[in-house]
Amino acid sequence: MEPNRKPNTTCDVCGKAIYRRPNLLIKNKTKCCSHICQNKIWGEYYRMKSSGPNPKKGHSLENNPAWKGGITLFKKKGNYKNVRYVRCPKEYLGMARKDGYVMEHRLFMAQRIGRILDRMECVHHIDHDPTNNEINNLLLFPCNRSHKIYEGIENGKNTDKLQGTANRT
């Protein structure tokens, strides 16, 4: 046996005759025949609600009160010093992370030699201080292997030939 569902009200949006249980007619202010009509009502409500000034709008980059000049620090474990990441200029975006930041010493070296560094190329700090990014303190190696061999020679260990030291700046 089919329930008696004769239309007892109309849709507030399109005026179509619909059935609603009596308790829902008392409880709900709006009556809609479908989700499409319901979205029209709620979309209009949120448009009216958000038409005023948005306090969070325009709080990006320099306008954000927590902005630190486009510099972020990568926290290392132990007694190692932090590595500085800076916002990457557009011409060097090829060597930046997904969020647009690049290690400061890699950016300085790329600007010095006038090209984007490959992912394999390694920048070495002569005084082993990652916060000292002066250009005369940086060495560029073609790969991390050459870098580690150089560090071994620097520490007095007897190792095989060093490759890629001709590009010292």
Protein backbone atom coordinates (compact mmCIF):
# COMPACT_ATOMS: atom_id res chain seq x y z
CA MET A 1 0.00 0.00 0.00
CA GLU A 2 1.37 3.39 -1.07
CA PRO A 3 1.54 6.24 1.49
CA ASN A 4 -0.66 9.28 0.93
CA ARG A 5 1.83 11.94 -0.25
CA LYS A 6 -0.24 14.67 -1.77
CA PRO A 7 1.60 17.98 -2.18
CA ASN A 8 1.05 20.14 0.90
CA THR A 9 3.40 23.06 0.16
CA THR A 10 5.37 24.71 -2.66
CA CYS A 11 9.11 25.12 -3.35
CA ASP A 12 10.40 28.54 -2.24
CA VAL A 13 12.57 28.87 -5.37
CA CYS A 14 10.66 27.50 -8.34
CA GLY A 15 7.10 27.28 -6.94
CA LYS A 16 6.70 23.56 -7.70
CA ALA A 17 4.15 21.70 -5.56
CA ILE A 18 5.94 19.31 -3.13
CA TYR A 19 5.19 17.11 -0.13
CA ARG A 20 6.91 17.65 3.23
CA ARG A 21 6.15 15.89 6.49
CA PRO A 22 4.20 18.14 8.83
CA ASN A 23 6.93 18.20 11.48
CA LEU A 24 9.48 19.43 8.85
CA LEU A 25 7.13 22.20 7.78
CA ILE A 26 7.14 23.48 11.37
CA LYS A 27 10.90 22.98 11.91
CA ASN A 28 12.38 24.25 8.60
CA LYS A 29 12.06 27.81 7.35
CA THR A 30 12.90 27.03 3.73
CA LYS A 31 11.21 24.44 1.56
CA CYS A 32 12.98 23.24 -1.60
CA CYS A 33 12.05 20.60 -4.16
CA SER A 34 15.65 19.59 -4.95
CA HIS A 35 19.32 20.17 -4.13
CA ILE A 36 19.55 22.53 -7.10
CA CYS A 37 16.92 24.85 -5.61
CA GLN A 38 18.47 24.50 -2.16
CA ASN A 39 21.91 25.49 -3.52
CA LYS A 40 20.40 28.59 -5.12
CA ILE A 41 19.08 29.73 -1.73
CA TRP A 42 22.28 28.94 0.19
CA GLY A 43 24.52 30.36 -2.54
CA GLU A 44 22.66 33.66 -2.36
CA TYR A 45 22.89 33.60 1.45
CA TYR A 46 26.68 33.13 1.39
CA ARG A 47 27.12 35.78 -1.31
CA MET A 48 25.22 38.30 0.81
CA LYS A 49 27.13 37.26 3.93
CA SER A 50 30.56 37.64 2.27
CA SER A 51 29.83 40.89 0.43
CA GLY A 52 31.33 42.93 3.29
CA PRO A 53 35.04 43.53 3.79
CA ASN A 54 37.00 40.35 4.33
CA PRO A 55 39.57 40.86 7.11
CA LYS A 56 41.82 38.08 5.77
CA LYS A 57 41.83 39.26 2.15
CA GLY A 58 45.14 40.75 1.08
CA HIS A 59 47.15 39.08 3.86
CA SER A 60 49.65 37.41 1.57
CA LEU A 61 53.41 37.92 1.31
CA GLU A 62 54.38 41.45 2.42
CA ASN A 63 50.86 42.31 3.67
CA ASN A 64 50.84 39.47 6.22
CA PRO A 65 51.72 40.62 9.75
CA ALA A 66 53.92 37.52 10.20
CA TRP A 67 55.97 38.23 7.01
CA LYS A 68 59.71 37.91 7.58
CA GLY A 69 60.93 39.23 4.24
CA GLY A 70 60.62 35.97 2.29
CA ILE A 71 63.18 34.11 4.39
CA THR A 72 62.57 30.79 6.11
CA LEU A 73 64.96 28.61 8.07
CA PHE A 74 65.33 24.87 7.69
CA LYS A 75 65.79 23.54 11.22
CA LYS A 76 68.63 21.01 11.36
CA LYS A 77 69.02 18.38 14.06
CA GLY A 78 71.79 18.46 16.62
CA ASN A 79 74.35 21.25 16.77
CA TYR A 80 74.17 22.11 13.06
CA LYS A 81 73.23 25.66 12.13
CA ASN A 82 70.04 26.43 10.21
CA VAL A 83 70.06 26.76 6.42
CA ARG A 84 68.36 29.88 5.06
CA TYR A 85 65.77 29.60 2.29
CA VAL A 86 64.78 32.74 0.36
CA ARG A 87 62.07 33.55 -2.18
CA CYS A 88 63.48 32.65 -5.55
CA PRO A 89 63.63 35.31 -8.31
CA LYS A 90 61.70 34.43 -11.47
CA GLU A 91 64.81 33.84 -13.60
CA TYR A 92 66.04 31.14 -11.16
CA LEU A 93 62.73 29.37 -10.45
CA GLY A 94 64.04 26.22 -12.16
CA MET A 95 66.11 25.41 -9.08
CA ALA A 96 63.47 26.30 -6.46
CA ARG A 97 61.27 24.01 -4.39
CA LYS A 98 57.56 23.70 -5.17
CA ASP A 99 56.74 26.57 -2.80
CA GLY A 100 59.15 28.94 -4.62
CA TYR A 101 61.98 28.96 -2.05
CA VAL A 102 65.63 28.12 -2.72
CA MET A 103 68.69 27.75 -0.47
CA GLU A 104 70.36 31.12 -0.19
CA HIS A 105 73.90 29.89 -0.91
CA ARG A 106 72.75 28.08 -4.08
CA LEU A 107 71.02 31.26 -5.27
CA PHE A 108 74.16 33.36 -4.64
CA MET A 109 76.31 30.90 -6.57
CA ALA A 110 73.84 30.78 -9.48
CA GLN A 111 73.80 34.58 -9.64
CA ARG A 112 77.59 34.66 -9.57
CA ILE A 113 78.06 32.23 -12.47
CA GLY A 114 75.01 33.55 -14.34
CA ARG A 115 73.03 30.33 -14.81
CA ILE A 116 70.70 27.95 -12.97
CA LEU A 117 72.50 25.22 -11.02
CA ASP A 118 71.83 21.58 -11.84
CA ARG A 119 70.34 19.40 -9.13
CA MET A 120 73.59 17.41 -8.99
CA GLU A 121 75.81 20.44 -8.42
CA CYS A 122 76.84 21.01 -4.83
CA VAL A 123 77.81 24.30 -3.16
CA HIS A 124 80.40 24.01 -0.38
CA HIS A 125 81.05 26.51 2.44
CA ILE A 126 84.81 26.84 2.94
CA ASP A 127 84.48 27.73 6.63
CA HIS A 128 81.70 25.08 7.11
CA ASP A 129 79.30 27.77 8.36
CA PRO A 130 75.99 27.59 6.42
CA THR A 131 75.02 31.08 7.59
CA ASN A 132 78.14 32.65 5.98
CA ASN A 133 76.98 33.00 2.37
CA GLU A 134 79.63 35.43 1.13
CA ILE A 135 80.62 34.53 -2.42
CA ASN A 136 84.34 34.18 -1.52
CA ASN A 137 83.32 31.51 1.04
CA LEU A 138 81.53 29.31 -1.53
CA LEU A 139 82.84 26.57 -3.83
CA LEU A 140 80.86 24.86 -6.57
CA PHE A 141 81.29 21.14 -7.25
CA PRO A 142 79.76 19.21 -10.18
CA CYS A 143 78.48 16.45 -7.86
CA ASN A 144 78.34 15.54 -4.18
CA ARG A 145 81.03 12.87 -4.71
CA SER A 146 83.60 15.52 -5.66
CA HIS A 147 82.46 17.59 -2.72
CA LYS A 148 82.99 14.73 -0.25
CA ILE A 149 86.40 13.88 -1.75
CA TYR A 150 87.42 17.53 -1.33
CA GLU A 151 86.28 17.47 2.29
CA GLY A 152 88.29 14.29 2.83
CA ILE A 153 91.43 15.94 1.42
CA GLU A 154 90.69 19.04 3.48
CA ASN A 155 90.52 16.93 6.66
CA GLY A 156 93.87 15.30 5.87
CA LYS A 157 92.59 11.94 4.69
CA ASN A 158 94.46 10.34 1.79
CA THR A 159 91.95 9.84 -1.03
CA ASP A 160 91.98 9.51 -4.82
CA LYS A 161 91.98 12.42 -7.25
CA LEU A 162 89.57 15.29 -6.86
CA GLN A 163 87.32 16.05 -9.83
CA GLY A 164 85.83 19.44 -10.62
CA THR A 165 88.00 21.86 -8.64
CA ALA A 166 88.73 24.00 -11.69
CA ASN A 167 85.46 25.91 -11.16
CA ARG A 168 86.59 27.53 -7.92
CA THR A 169 85.35 31.14 -7.67
